[in-house]
Protein backbone atom coordinates (compact mmCIF):
# COMPACT_ATOMS: atom_id res chain seq x y z
CA MET A 1 59.91 97.13 143.69
CA THR A 2 62.30 94.97 141.69
CA PHE A 3 64.02 98.05 140.31
CA PHE A 4 64.27 99.57 143.81
CA ARG A 5 65.91 96.42 145.14
CA THR A 6 68.30 96.44 142.19
CA VAL A 7 69.35 100.02 142.97
CA VAL A 8 69.87 99.27 146.67
CA PHE A 9 71.87 96.16 145.85
CA GLY A 10 73.97 98.14 143.37
CA LEU A 11 74.75 100.86 145.93
CA ALA A 12 75.75 98.25 148.51
CA CYS A 13 78.06 96.59 145.97
CA ALA A 14 79.59 99.98 145.15
CA VAL A 15 80.39 100.66 148.83
CA LEU A 16 81.94 97.22 149.29
CA TRP A 17 83.91 97.70 146.07
CA TRP A 18 85.38 100.99 147.29
CA LEU A 19 86.27 99.63 150.73
CA ALA A 20 88.13 96.69 149.16
CA TYR A 21 89.80 98.82 146.47
CA SER A 22 91.11 101.40 148.95
CA ARG A 23 92.95 98.72 150.97
CA LEU A 24 94.60 96.85 148.12
CA ALA A 25 98.07 98.37 148.51
CA GLU A 26 98.12 97.62 152.24
CA PHE A 27 96.88 94.07 151.61
CA ALA A 28 99.50 93.39 148.92
CA GLY A 29 102.33 94.60 151.18
CA TRP A 30 101.07 92.54 154.13
CA LEU A 31 100.67 89.41 152.00
CA THR A 32 104.11 89.80 150.39
CA TYR A 33 106.22 90.57 153.45
CA SER A 34 104.28 89.06 156.36
CA ILE A 35 102.59 85.94 155.01
CA LEU A 36 104.96 84.66 152.32
CA PRO A 37 107.37 86.22 153.75
CA LEU A 38 109.80 87.91 151.35
CA GLU A 39 112.57 90.39 152.05
CA ARG A 40 111.75 94.06 151.58
CA GLY A 41 113.90 95.63 148.87
CA SER A 42 114.61 92.31 147.16
CA HIS A 43 113.96 91.81 143.44
CA LEU A 44 111.54 88.96 144.08
CA GLY A 45 109.70 90.87 146.79
CA ALA A 46 109.23 93.90 144.52
CA SER A 47 107.90 91.68 141.71
CA VAL A 48 105.49 89.76 143.92
CA GLU A 49 104.15 92.91 145.61
CA PHE A 50 103.64 94.54 142.19
CA PHE A 51 101.70 91.48 140.99
CA LEU A 52 99.55 91.09 144.10
CA TYR A 53 98.60 94.77 144.02
CA GLU A 54 98.05 95.31 140.31
CA LEU A 55 96.09 92.13 139.51
CA PRO A 56 93.07 92.69 141.81
CA LYS A 57 93.25 96.45 141.20
CA VAL A 58 93.01 96.09 137.43
CA LEU A 59 90.29 93.43 137.55
CA MET A 60 88.19 95.49 139.97
CA LEU A 61 88.50 98.65 137.87
CA LEU A 62 87.76 96.66 134.75
CA ALA A 63 84.60 95.11 136.18
CA LEU A 64 83.28 98.49 137.33
CA VAL A 65 83.89 100.34 134.07
CA VAL A 66 82.79 97.48 131.80
CA PHE A 67 79.50 97.33 133.72
CA ALA A 68 78.89 101.04 133.16
CA VAL A 69 79.93 100.93 129.52
CA GLY A 70 77.80 97.81 129.01
CA ILE A 71 74.75 99.88 129.97
CA VAL A 72 75.82 102.68 127.61
CA ARG A 73 76.34 100.16 124.82
CA SER A 74 72.74 99.01 125.12
CA PHE A 75 71.85 102.26 123.35
CA PHE A 76 74.23 101.61 120.42
CA THR A 77 73.36 98.54 118.36
CA PRO A 78 75.16 98.08 115.01
CA GLU A 79 72.02 99.25 113.18
CA ARG A 80 71.74 102.41 115.23
CA THR A 81 75.46 103.16 114.82
CA ARG A 82 75.12 102.76 111.05
CA ARG A 83 72.06 104.98 111.02
CA ILE A 84 73.84 107.73 112.99
CA LEU A 85 76.85 107.75 110.66
CA SER A 86 75.05 107.54 107.33
CA GLY A 87 74.09 110.80 105.67
CA LYS A 88 76.52 112.97 107.65
CA ARG A 89 79.00 115.40 106.07
CA GLU A 90 82.38 113.70 105.91
CA SER A 91 84.24 116.04 108.29
CA VAL A 92 81.46 115.79 110.88
CA GLY A 93 81.22 112.07 110.23
CA ASN A 94 84.93 111.52 110.99
CA VAL A 95 84.58 113.12 114.42
CA LEU A 96 81.31 111.35 115.18
CA ALA A 97 82.65 107.98 114.02
CA ALA A 98 85.73 108.30 116.24
CA LEU A 99 83.56 109.18 119.25
CA LEU A 100 81.17 106.30 118.60
CA GLY A 101 84.13 103.95 118.39
CA ILE A 102 84.75 104.48 122.11
CA VAL A 103 81.36 103.17 123.26
CA THR A 104 80.52 100.55 120.66
CA PRO A 105 81.38 96.87 121.22
CA PHE A 106 83.34 96.25 118.04
CA CYS A 107 86.94 95.16 117.53
CA SER A 108 89.09 94.35 114.52
CA CYS A 109 87.43 90.92 114.37
CA SER A 110 84.19 92.70 113.48
CA ALA A 111 85.84 94.63 110.65
CA VAL A 112 84.36 92.74 107.69
CA PRO A 113 80.63 92.81 108.56
CA LEU A 114 80.89 96.37 109.87
CA PHE A 115 82.74 97.55 106.78
CA ILE A 116 80.14 96.00 104.49
CA GLY A 117 77.29 97.44 106.53
CA PHE A 118 78.74 100.94 106.62
CA VAL A 119 79.68 101.09 102.93
CA THR A 120 76.34 99.72 101.72
CA ALA A 121 74.50 102.15 104.02
CA GLY A 122 76.21 105.07 102.29
CA VAL A 123 78.73 105.91 105.02
CA PRO A 124 81.77 107.58 103.35
CA LEU A 125 84.95 105.50 103.19
CA GLY A 126 86.96 107.91 105.35
CA VAL A 127 84.27 107.95 108.05
CA THR A 128 84.26 104.16 108.09
CA PHE A 129 88.01 104.09 108.64
CA SER A 130 87.78 106.63 111.47
CA PHE A 131 85.44 104.19 113.20
CA LEU A 132 87.64 101.16 112.47
CA VAL A 133 90.65 102.88 114.03
CA SER A 134 88.84 104.23 117.08
CA ALA A 135 86.83 101.13 118.02
CA PRO A 136 89.75 98.81 118.88
CA MET A 137 92.25 101.45 120.02
CA VAL A 138 90.18 103.82 122.18
CA ASN A 139 88.13 101.42 124.28
CA GLU A 140 87.03 101.20 127.88
CA VAL A 141 89.56 98.48 128.70
CA ALA A 142 92.48 100.68 127.62
CA LEU A 143 91.12 103.74 129.40
CA VAL A 144 90.37 102.03 132.70
CA LEU A 145 93.77 100.33 132.81
CA LEU A 146 95.58 103.56 131.99
CA PHE A 147 93.57 105.47 134.59
CA GLY A 148 94.19 102.83 137.24
CA MET A 149 97.93 102.62 136.60
CA PHE A 150 98.93 106.16 135.59
CA GLY A 151 96.08 108.49 136.58
CA TRP A 152 93.69 110.68 134.64
CA LYS A 153 96.34 112.75 132.85
CA VAL A 154 97.86 109.83 130.94
CA ALA A 155 94.42 108.30 130.34
CA GLY A 156 93.16 111.61 128.97
CA LEU A 157 96.29 111.98 126.87
CA TYR A 158 95.71 108.57 125.34
CA LEU A 159 92.03 109.31 124.74
CA GLY A 160 92.77 112.60 123.01
CA THR A 161 95.60 111.33 120.83
CA GLY A 162 93.72 108.15 119.95
CA LEU A 163 90.70 110.14 118.79
CA LEU A 164 92.95 112.52 116.84
CA ILE A 165 94.64 109.63 115.05
CA ALA A 166 91.25 108.10 114.18
CA ILE A 167 89.85 111.41 112.89
CA VAL A 168 92.95 112.39 110.89
CA SER A 169 93.48 108.92 109.44
CA GLY A 170 89.89 108.69 108.25
CA TRP A 171 89.97 112.23 106.85
CA VAL A 172 93.16 111.56 104.87
CA ILE A 173 91.82 108.29 103.46
CA GLY A 174 88.63 110.08 102.49
CA ARG A 175 90.64 112.72 100.60
CA LEU A 176 92.51 110.02 98.63
CA ARG A 177 89.27 108.78 97.01
CA MET A 178 90.22 105.10 97.11
CA GLU A 179 86.75 103.60 96.73
CA LYS A 180 87.96 101.72 93.63
CA HIS A 181 90.22 99.67 95.91
CA ILE A 182 87.24 98.08 97.67
CA GLU A 183 86.41 94.60 96.39
CA GLY A 184 83.54 94.81 93.91
CA TRP A 185 81.29 92.28 95.64
CA VAL A 186 80.97 94.59 98.68
CA PHE A 187 78.85 97.06 96.70
CA GLU A 188 76.57 94.23 95.58
CA THR A 189 75.74 93.38 99.20
CA HIS A 190 72.71 94.97 100.78
CA ALA A 191 72.93 96.16 104.36
CA GLY A 192 70.71 94.24 106.70
CA GLY A 193 67.79 96.20 108.01
CA GLY A 194 67.91 94.87 111.54
CA THR A 195 65.66 96.07 114.30
CA LEU A 196 66.45 98.57 116.97
CA ASP A 197 65.45 97.55 120.44
CA GLU A 198 64.81 101.06 121.72
CA ALA A 199 62.24 100.09 124.36
CA LEU A 200 64.59 98.40 126.82
CA GLY A 201 63.86 99.26 130.43
CA TRP A 202 66.55 99.96 133.02
CA PRO A 203 66.40 96.49 134.62
CA ALA A 204 67.15 95.00 131.18
CA ARG A 205 69.99 97.46 130.59
CA ILE A 206 71.48 96.64 134.00
CA ARG A 207 71.36 92.96 133.07
CA LEU A 208 73.20 93.82 129.85
CA GLY A 209 75.86 95.59 131.93
CA ARG A 210 76.22 92.51 134.13
CA ASP A 211 76.44 90.27 131.07
CA ALA A 212 79.13 92.56 129.61
CA VAL A 213 81.22 92.06 132.75
CA LYS A 214 80.90 88.29 132.46
CA GLU A 215 81.75 88.32 128.77
CA ILE A 216 84.56 90.90 128.58
CA VAL A 217 86.28 90.21 131.90
CA GLY A 218 85.91 86.50 131.16
CA GLN A 219 87.71 87.03 127.86
CA VAL A 220 90.54 89.25 129.05
CA TRP A 221 91.38 88.09 132.58
CA LEU A 222 94.09 85.74 131.31
CA TYR A 223 95.64 88.58 129.28
CA VAL A 224 95.56 90.72 132.41
CA LEU A 225 97.27 88.01 134.45
CA ILE A 226 99.97 87.40 131.83
CA GLY A 227 100.55 91.10 131.21
CA ILE A 228 100.88 91.90 134.90
CA ALA A 229 103.17 88.90 135.41
CA VAL A 230 105.46 90.18 132.64
CA GLY A 231 105.24 93.68 134.07
CA ALA A 232 106.10 92.36 137.53
CA GLY A 233 109.18 90.64 136.15
CA ILE A 234 110.32 93.85 134.47
CA HIS A 235 109.51 95.87 137.59
CA GLY A 236 111.54 93.64 139.89
CA PHE A 237 114.45 92.38 137.83
CA VAL A 238 115.22 94.70 134.89
CA PRO A 239 117.98 97.23 135.77
CA GLU A 240 116.77 100.79 136.28
CA ASN A 241 118.44 102.37 133.25
CA PHE A 242 118.30 99.48 130.80
CA MET A 243 115.01 100.45 129.12
CA ALA A 244 116.06 104.09 129.02
CA SER A 245 119.00 103.11 126.82
CA ILE A 246 116.82 101.52 124.14
CA MET A 247 113.43 103.25 124.57
CA GLY A 248 114.49 106.59 126.00
CA LYS A 249 114.23 110.08 124.53
CA GLY A 250 117.88 110.02 123.47
CA ALA A 251 117.38 107.17 121.01
CA TRP A 252 115.79 108.88 117.97
CA TRP A 253 115.08 105.53 116.34
CA SER A 254 113.14 104.20 119.34
CA VAL A 255 109.71 105.43 118.18
CA PRO A 256 109.82 103.89 114.65
CA LEU A 257 111.25 100.70 116.14
CA ALA A 258 108.48 100.56 118.76
CA VAL A 259 105.82 100.85 116.02
CA LEU A 260 107.52 98.24 113.83
CA LEU A 261 107.68 95.85 116.78
CA GLY A 262 104.09 96.56 117.79
CA VAL A 263 102.34 95.99 114.45
CA PRO A 264 103.16 92.24 114.11
CA MET A 265 102.09 91.61 117.69
CA TYR A 266 98.52 90.58 118.43
CA SER A 267 97.37 91.61 121.87
CA ASN A 268 94.77 93.79 123.52
CA ALA A 269 94.91 96.56 126.07
CA ALA A 270 94.53 94.16 128.97
CA GLY A 271 97.72 92.35 128.05
CA ILE A 272 99.91 95.22 126.93
CA ILE A 273 99.24 98.05 129.39
CA PRO A 274 100.73 96.32 132.47
CA VAL A 275 103.89 95.85 130.40
CA VAL A 276 103.75 99.54 129.47
CA GLN A 277 103.61 100.49 133.14
CA ALA A 278 106.71 98.45 133.91
CA LEU A 279 108.61 99.89 130.92
CA LEU A 280 107.87 103.44 132.04
CA GLY A 281 108.99 102.59 135.55
CA LYS A 282 112.34 101.49 134.18
CA GLY A 283 113.06 104.66 132.27
CA ALA A 284 111.39 104.22 128.89
CA ALA A 285 110.09 107.46 127.35
CA LEU A 286 106.34 108.10 127.48
CA GLY A 287 106.02 108.88 123.76
CA THR A 288 107.89 105.73 122.74
CA VAL A 289 105.81 103.54 125.03
CA LEU A 290 102.53 105.13 123.89
CA ALA A 291 103.53 104.55 120.25
CA PHE A 292 104.28 100.91 121.02
CA MET A 293 100.97 100.44 122.84
CA MET A 294 98.91 102.15 120.12
CA SER A 295 100.47 100.08 117.35
CA VAL A 296 99.82 96.84 119.21
CA ILE A 297 96.17 97.70 119.92
CA ALA A 298 95.19 99.51 116.70
CA LEU A 299 97.11 97.57 114.04
CA SER A 300 97.81 93.86 113.66
CA LEU A 301 98.56 91.32 110.96
CA PRO A 302 95.38 89.33 111.76
CA GLU A 303 93.37 92.51 111.13
CA ALA A 304 95.08 92.96 107.75
CA ILE A 305 94.25 89.37 106.81
CA ILE A 306 90.60 89.85 107.79
CA LEU A 307 90.32 93.15 105.90
CA ARG A 308 91.78 91.55 102.77
CA ARG A 309 88.37 89.97 102.22
CA VAL A 310 86.88 93.37 101.46
CA LEU A 311 89.83 95.63 100.60
CA LYS A 312 92.49 95.44 97.91
CA PRO A 313 96.15 95.39 99.05
CA ARG A 314 96.83 99.00 98.11
CA LEU A 315 94.06 100.33 100.37
CA ILE A 316 95.13 98.07 103.25
CA ALA A 317 98.72 99.29 102.89
CA THR A 318 97.53 102.91 102.77
CA PHE A 319 95.41 102.42 105.88
CA PHE A 320 98.25 100.82 107.86
CA GLY A 321 100.78 103.38 106.62
CA ILE A 322 98.69 106.42 107.56
CA VAL A 323 97.81 105.08 111.01
CA ALA A 324 101.42 104.01 111.70
CA ALA A 325 102.74 107.42 110.61
CA SER A 326 100.19 109.17 112.86
CA ILE A 327 101.21 107.00 115.82
CA MET A 328 104.90 107.77 115.22
CA ALA A 329 104.12 111.50 115.07
CA VAL A 330 102.39 111.26 118.46
CA GLY A 331 105.36 109.37 119.90
CA PHE A 332 107.88 111.94 118.69
CA LEU A 333 105.69 114.82 119.89
CA PHE A 334 105.35 113.52 123.45
CA ASN A 335 109.03 112.62 123.67
CA LEU A 336 109.77 116.20 122.67
CA LEU A 337 107.31 117.88 125.05
CA MET A 338 107.38 115.60 128.10
């Protein structure tokens, strides 16, 4: 009976969610030009309408997808992920690790314990790096924001290229045989056995989904607000062709510059994707903007500092160089084709 009530309540929430979501654009326009009121066609009006539409839209999409992914994640504890990846052939392991990175709740902050656990469990070095690239870069927050702002084509494009970068980067690192550049103490550490809670019922998994919404949305809502505010400012006040002059297809140096600017930054998808939307709206090239976004999400100086605890500088530099080069290749390719 409890489960039945949970299902009915969930369906009712889904209907209410859709009714509210489908009227957001109308509500934002009414609030901007009838209640405030601002002048249609003005810079301030365009910025405010953008903000009032995108903020609830992104938060609603985020809550829905995080809830669903939270349920999926209940099947993938760190121990189970380690068990799936260990013992696989390296080429298969690279693909599997990149795919698991999408649905597992790990970010660059989790790099050290995950790296130790994977290496000591016998997971090949290249497979481990495929996972470490995929987990922060190809995540549900990035995908839901891209889908909500640009549609399924751009979201799918990002998903495919992100997975390709993770697979190729891990495969290349595996071919370089750089195990000697792992700090010696890592191999002296024994992976924790841990227990797998495989007997969770659906009510418990639904609670985990709800808890994921509280945790993740609670962590990123401020980034969403700031990112959309910046995007609204760009949308309303930056001249139409300004971004095209510095991030357009005609500027060959724009892709390397975007990656160089992105790596030192420390942000997540929630903060950077609203800015990406505004940049594209002002004429920036898709490949350049994707390269910038990927470098911000997948690579950061804090991550390098954390990884230094387990990796020697040469391996860290190799990791960052291969991923950055792969991101630049994607940027150039999409600027050429689109």
